[in-house]
Amino acid sequence: MKRMAMLAALATLGTTSACVTVSAPDKPIVINLNIKVSQEVVYRLDGQAKSLIQAQPGIF
């Protein structure tokens, strides 16, 4: 009896099939990106180089 019930269950699983439909949306997809880019430059100057630049400002 159990075998017949299992066979019946398997037969029903074999006959049913799933269907998946995919369609494009009506409206376009909008992606809003708010990006903030900032940069910070930190420099340290050697004391001797600093005095050389101050003594000869046209060196660069």
PDB file of N, CA and C in Angstrom:
ATOM      1  N   MET A   1       0.817  -1.188   0.000  1.00  0.00           N
ATOM      2  CA  MET A   1       0.000   0.000   0.000  1.00  0.00           C
ATOM      3  C   MET A   1       0.871   1.266   0.000  1.00  0.00           C
ATOM      4  N   LYS A   2       1.942   1.245   0.810  1.00  0.00           N
ATOM      5  CA  LYS A   2       2.834   2.407   0.854  1.00  0.00           C
ATOM      6  C   LYS A   2       3.506   2.621  -0.500  1.00  0.00           C
ATOM      7  N   ARG A   3       3.849   1.492  -1.150  1.00  0.00           N
ATOM      8  CA  ARG A   3       4.515   1.588  -2.442  1.00  0.00           C
ATOM      9  C   ARG A   3       3.622   2.246  -3.483  1.00  0.00           C
ATOM     10  N   MET A   4       2.380   1.883  -3.472  1.00  0.00           N
ATOM     11  CA  MET A   4       1.439   2.457  -4.440  1.00  0.00           C
ATOM     12  C   MET A   4       1.241   3.948  -4.195  1.00  0.00           C
ATOM     13  N   ALA A   5       1.215   4.353  -2.930  1.00  0.00           N
ATOM     14  CA  ALA A   5       1.057   5.772  -2.599  1.00  0.00           C
ATOM     15  C   ALA A   5       2.291   6.557  -3.048  1.00  0.00           C
ATOM     16  N   MET A   6       3.472   5.964  -2.852  1.00  0.00           N
ATOM     17  CA  MET A   6       4.694   6.633  -3.284  1.00  0.00           C
ATOM     18  C   MET A   6       4.753   6.747  -4.799  1.00  0.00           C
ATOM     19  N   LEU A   7       4.361   5.665  -5.488  1.00  0.00           N
ATOM     20  CA  LEU A   7       4.348   5.702  -6.946  1.00  0.00           C
ATOM     21  C   LEU A   7       3.364   6.741  -7.466  1.00  0.00           C
ATOM     22  N   ALA A   8       2.237   6.868  -6.819  1.00  0.00           N
ATOM     23  CA  ALA A   8       1.240   7.867  -7.211  1.00  0.00           C
ATOM     24  C   ALA A   8       1.784   9.275  -6.986  1.00  0.00           C
ATOM     25  N   ALA A   9       2.473   9.459  -5.863  1.00  0.00           N
ATOM     26  CA  ALA A   9       3.058  10.780  -5.560  1.00  0.00           C
ATOM     27  C   ALA A   9       4.148  11.130  -6.566  1.00  0.00           C
ATOM     28  N   LEU A  10       4.993  10.160  -6.906  1.00  0.00           N
ATOM     29  CA  LEU A  10       6.050  10.397  -7.886  1.00  0.00           C
ATOM     30  C   LEU A  10       5.481  10.663  -9.270  1.00  0.00           C
ATOM     31  N   ALA A  11       4.414   9.990  -9.614  1.00  0.00           N
ATOM     32  CA  ALA A  11       3.779  10.202 -10.917  1.00  0.00           C
ATOM     33  C   ALA A  11       3.205  11.600 -11.007  1.00  0.00           C
ATOM     34  N   THR A  12       2.625  12.094  -9.912  1.00  0.00           N
ATOM     35  CA  THR A  12       2.080  13.456  -9.924  1.00  0.00           C
ATOM     36  C   THR A  12       3.199  14.490 -10.011  1.00  0.00           C
ATOM     37  N   LEU A  13       4.322  14.243  -9.351  1.00  0.00           N
ATOM     38  CA  LEU A  13       5.443  15.173  -9.425  1.00  0.00           C
ATOM     39  C   LEU A  13       6.010  15.234 -10.838  1.00  0.00           C
ATOM     40  N   GLY A  14       6.012  14.107 -11.510  1.00  0.00           N
ATOM     41  CA  GLY A  14       6.550  14.074 -12.864  1.00  0.00           C
ATOM     42  C   GLY A  14       5.677  14.818 -13.858  1.00  0.00           C
ATOM     43  N   THR A  15       4.383  14.914 -13.615  1.00  0.00           N
ATOM     44  CA  THR A  15       3.480  15.554 -14.571  1.00  0.00           C
ATOM     45  C   THR A  15       3.361  17.049 -14.349  1.00  0.00           C
ATOM     46  N   THR A  16       3.613  17.507 -13.144  1.00  0.00           N
ATOM     47  CA  THR A  16       3.536  18.954 -12.898  1.00  0.00           C
ATOM     48  C   THR A  16       4.873  19.585 -13.215  1.00  0.00           C
ATOM     49  N   SER A  17       4.834  20.734 -13.843  1.00  0.00           N
ATOM     50  CA  SER A  17       6.076  21.436 -14.166  1.00  0.00           C
ATOM     51  C   SER A  17       5.927  22.902 -13.785  1.00  0.00           C
ATOM     52  N   ALA A  18       7.020  23.500 -13.388  1.00  0.00           N
ATOM     53  CA  ALA A  18       7.012  24.906 -12.998  1.00  0.00           C
ATOM     54  C   ALA A  18       7.359  25.758 -14.207  1.00  0.00           C
ATOM     55  N   CYS A  19       6.730  26.898 -14.312  1.00  0.00           N
ATOM     56  CA  CYS A  19       6.978  27.811 -15.428  1.00  0.00           C
ATOM     57  C   CYS A  19       7.341  29.170 -14.844  1.00  0.00           C
ATOM     58  N   VAL A  20       8.459  29.714 -15.280  1.00  0.00           N
ATOM     59  CA  VAL A  20       8.914  31.016 -14.809  1.00  0.00           C
ATOM     60  C   VAL A  20       8.954  31.950 -16.003  1.00  0.00           C
ATOM     61  N   THR A  21       8.283  33.083 -15.881  1.00  0.00           N
ATOM     62  CA  THR A  21       8.304  34.073 -16.961  1.00  0.00           C
ATOM     63  C   THR A  21       9.063  35.300 -16.492  1.00  0.00           C
ATOM     64  N   VAL A  22       9.868  35.840 -17.372  1.00  0.00           N
ATOM     65  CA  VAL A  22      10.653  37.044 -17.078  1.00  0.00           C
ATOM     66  C   VAL A  22      10.303  38.084 -18.125  1.00  0.00           C
ATOM     67  N   SER A  23       9.945  39.267 -17.666  1.00  0.00           N
ATOM     68  CA  SER A  23       9.610  40.331 -18.612  1.00  0.00           C
ATOM     69  C   SER A  23      10.311  41.615 -18.192  1.00  0.00           C
ATOM     70  N   ALA A  24      10.568  42.469 -19.173  1.00  0.00           N
ATOM     71  CA  ALA A  24      11.233  43.746 -18.907  1.00  0.00           C
ATOM     72  C   ALA A  24      10.249  44.698 -18.238  1.00  0.00           C
ATOM     73  N   PRO A  25      10.746  45.576 -17.349  1.00  0.00           N
ATOM     74  CA  PRO A  25       9.853  46.532 -16.698  1.00  0.00           C
ATOM     75  C   PRO A  25       9.382  47.603 -17.685  1.00  0.00           C
ATOM     76  N   ASP A  26       8.231  48.202 -17.383  1.00  0.00           N
ATOM     77  CA  ASP A  26       7.679  49.253 -18.245  1.00  0.00           C
ATOM     78  C   ASP A  26       8.488  50.541 -18.156  1.00  0.00           C
ATOM     79  N   LYS A  27       8.957  50.862 -16.960  1.00  0.00           N
ATOM     80  CA  LYS A  27       9.716  52.096 -16.745  1.00  0.00           C
ATOM     81  C   LYS A  27      11.200  51.774 -16.684  1.00  0.00           C
ATOM     82  N   PRO A  28      12.063  52.710 -17.089  1.00  0.00           N
ATOM     83  CA  PRO A  28      13.508  52.447 -17.007  1.00  0.00           C
ATOM     84  C   PRO A  28      13.975  52.400 -15.551  1.00  0.00           C
ATOM     85  N   ILE A  29      15.037  51.686 -15.328  1.00  0.00           N
ATOM     86  CA  ILE A  29      15.621  51.576 -13.991  1.00  0.00           C
ATOM     87  C   ILE A  29      16.486  52.808 -13.749  1.00  0.00           C
ATOM     88  N   VAL A  30      16.266  53.485 -12.638  1.00  0.00           N
ATOM     89  CA  VAL A  30      16.998  54.702 -12.302  1.00  0.00           C
ATOM     90  C   VAL A  30      17.853  54.415 -11.077  1.00  0.00           C
ATOM     91  N   ILE A  31      19.142  54.728 -11.181  1.00  0.00           N
ATOM     92  CA  ILE A  31      20.062  54.549 -10.060  1.00  0.00           C
ATOM     93  C   ILE A  31      20.639  55.917  -9.717  1.00  0.00           C
ATOM     94  N   ASN A  32      20.386  56.375  -8.511  1.00  0.00           N
ATOM     95  CA  ASN A  32      20.916  57.664  -8.054  1.00  0.00           C
ATOM     96  C   ASN A  32      22.160  57.422  -7.221  1.00  0.00           C
ATOM     97  N   LEU A  33      23.265  58.005  -7.640  1.00  0.00           N
ATOM     98  CA  LEU A  33      24.512  57.874  -6.897  1.00  0.00           C
ATOM     99  C   LEU A  33      24.965  59.252  -6.434  1.00  0.00           C
ATOM    100  N   ASN A  34      25.060  59.421  -5.162  1.00  0.00           N
ATOM    101  CA  ASN A  34      25.604  60.653  -4.599  1.00  0.00           C
ATOM    102  C   ASN A  34      26.976  60.319  -4.040  1.00  0.00           C
ATOM    103  N   ILE A  35      27.996  60.764  -4.753  1.00  0.00           N
ATOM    104  CA  ILE A  35      29.359  60.429  -4.371  1.00  0.00           C
ATOM    105  C   ILE A  35      30.110  61.716  -4.047  1.00  0.00           C
ATOM    106  N   LYS A  36      30.766  61.723  -2.920  1.00  0.00           N
ATOM    107  CA  LYS A  36      31.568  62.868  -2.525  1.00  0.00           C
ATOM    108  C   LYS A  36      33.017  62.400  -2.445  1.00  0.00           C
ATOM    109  N   VAL A  37      33.861  63.032  -3.246  1.00  0.00           N
ATOM    110  CA  VAL A  37      35.269  62.676  -3.268  1.00  0.00           C
ATOM    111  C   VAL A  37      36.052  63.867  -2.721  1.00  0.00           C
ATOM    112  N   SER A  38      36.842  63.606  -1.729  1.00  0.00           N
ATOM    113  CA  SER A  38      37.680  64.671  -1.184  1.00  0.00           C
ATOM    114  C   SER A  38      39.100  64.147  -1.041  1.00  0.00           C
ATOM    115  N   GLN A  39      40.020  65.047  -1.174  1.00  0.00           N
ATOM    116  CA  GLN A  39      41.427  64.653  -1.099  1.00  0.00           C
ATOM    117  C   GLN A  39      42.146  65.640  -0.185  1.00  0.00           C
ATOM    118  N   GLU A  40      43.004  65.101   0.623  1.00  0.00           N
ATOM    119  CA  GLU A  40      43.777  65.932   1.539  1.00  0.00           C
ATOM    120  C   GLU A  40      45.246  65.594   1.329  1.00  0.00           C
ATOM    121  N   VAL A  41      46.032  66.642   1.105  1.00  0.00           N
ATOM    122  CA  VAL A  41      47.465  66.448   0.890  1.00  0.00           C
ATOM    123  C   VAL A  41      48.194  67.027   2.097  1.00  0.00           C
ATOM    124  N   VAL A  42      48.979  66.188   2.721  1.00  0.00           N
ATOM    125  CA  VAL A  42      49.771  66.606   3.877  1.00  0.00           C
ATOM    126  C   VAL A  42      51.239  66.445   3.501  1.00  0.00           C
ATOM    127  N   TYR A  43      51.994  67.504   3.703  1.00  0.00           N
ATOM    128  CA  TYR A  43      53.422  67.416   3.392  1.00  0.00           C
ATOM    129  C   TYR A  43      54.236  67.961   4.558  1.00  0.00           C
ATOM    130  N   ARG A  44      55.395  67.422   4.693  1.00  0.00           N
ATOM    131  CA  ARG A  44      56.340  67.900   5.694  1.00  0.00           C
ATOM    132  C   ARG A  44      57.622  68.231   4.959  1.00  0.00           C
ATOM    133  N   LEU A  45      58.186  69.359   5.292  1.00  0.00           N
ATOM    134  CA  LEU A  45      59.376  69.819   4.601  1.00  0.00           C
ATOM    135  C   LEU A  45      60.534  69.870   5.583  1.00  0.00           C
ATOM    136  N   ASP A  46      61.637  69.353   5.158  1.00  0.00           N
ATOM    137  CA  ASP A  46      62.844  69.366   5.973  1.00  0.00           C
ATOM    138  C   ASP A  46      63.243  70.816   6.239  1.00  0.00           C
ATOM    139  N   GLY A  47      63.762  71.068   7.417  1.00  0.00           N
ATOM    140  CA  GLY A  47      64.149  72.430   7.805  1.00  0.00           C
ATOM    141  C   GLY A  47      65.157  73.043   6.852  1.00  0.00           C
ATOM    142  N   GLN A  48      66.137  72.277   6.405  1.00  0.00           N
ATOM    143  CA  GLN A  48      67.152  72.791   5.491  1.00  0.00           C
ATOM    144  C   GLN A  48      66.541  73.118   4.127  1.00  0.00           C
ATOM    145  N   ALA A  49      65.654  72.259   3.651  1.00  0.00           N
ATOM    146  CA  ALA A  49      64.986  72.506   2.375  1.00  0.00           C
ATOM    147  C   ALA A  49      64.083  73.732   2.478  1.00  0.00           C
ATOM    148  N   LYS A  50      63.421  73.894   3.595  1.00  0.00           N
ATOM    149  CA  LYS A  50      62.543  75.042   3.801  1.00  0.00           C
ATOM    150  C   LYS A  50      63.338  76.339   3.770  1.00  0.00           C
ATOM    151  N   SER A  51      64.476  76.367   4.437  1.00  0.00           N
ATOM    152  CA  SER A  51      65.287  77.588   4.440  1.00  0.00           C
ATOM    153  C   SER A  51      65.870  77.866   3.055  1.00  0.00           C
ATOM    154  N   LEU A  52      66.195  76.812   2.298  1.00  0.00           N
ATOM    155  CA  LEU A  52      66.701  76.987   0.943  1.00  0.00           C
ATOM    156  C   LEU A  52      65.624  77.596   0.039  1.00  0.00           C
ATOM    157  N   ILE A  53      64.392  77.123   0.163  1.00  0.00           N
ATOM    158  CA  ILE A  53      63.291  77.667  -0.644  1.00  0.00           C
ATOM    159  C   ILE A  53      63.016  79.100  -0.261  1.00  0.00           C
ATOM    160  N   GLN A  54      63.087  79.424   1.035  1.00  0.00           N
ATOM    161  CA  GLN A  54      62.860  80.804   1.453  1.00  0.00           C
ATOM    162  C   GLN A  54      63.974  81.719   0.971  1.00  0.00           C
ATOM    163  N   ALA A  55      65.197  81.217   0.931  1.00  0.00           N
ATOM    164  CA  ALA A  55      66.325  82.035   0.477  1.00  0.00           C
ATOM    165  C   ALA A  55      66.281  82.246  -1.030  1.00  0.00           C
ATOM    166  N   GLN A  56      65.820  81.238  -1.780  1.00  0.00           N
ATOM    167  CA  GLN A  56      65.767  81.325  -3.238  1.00  0.00           C
ATOM    168  C   GLN A  56      64.339  80.978  -3.717  1.00  0.00           C
ATOM    169  N   PRO A  57      63.420  81.916  -3.632  1.00  0.00           N
ATOM    170  CA  PRO A  57      62.013  81.613  -3.955  1.00  0.00           C
ATOM    171  C   PRO A  57      61.786  81.260  -5.436  1.00  0.00           C
ATOM    172  N   GLY A  58      62.678  81.682  -6.322  1.00  0.00           N
ATOM    173  CA  GLY A  58      62.509  81.381  -7.745  1.00  0.00           C
ATOM    174  C   GLY A  58      63.085  80.042  -8.154  1.00  0.00           C
ATOM    175  N   ILE A  59      63.455  79.209  -7.199  1.00  0.00           N
ATOM    176  CA  ILE A  59      64.095  77.926  -7.511  1.00  0.00           C
ATOM    177  C   ILE A  59      63.108  76.967  -8.199  1.00  0.00           C
ATOM    178  N   PHE A  60      61.855  77.137  -7.915  1.00  0.00           N
ATOM    179  CA  PHE A  60      60.857  76.273  -8.563  1.00  0.00           C
ATOM    180  C   PHE A  60      60.176  77.068  -9.616  1.00  0.00           C
TER     181      PHE A  60
END
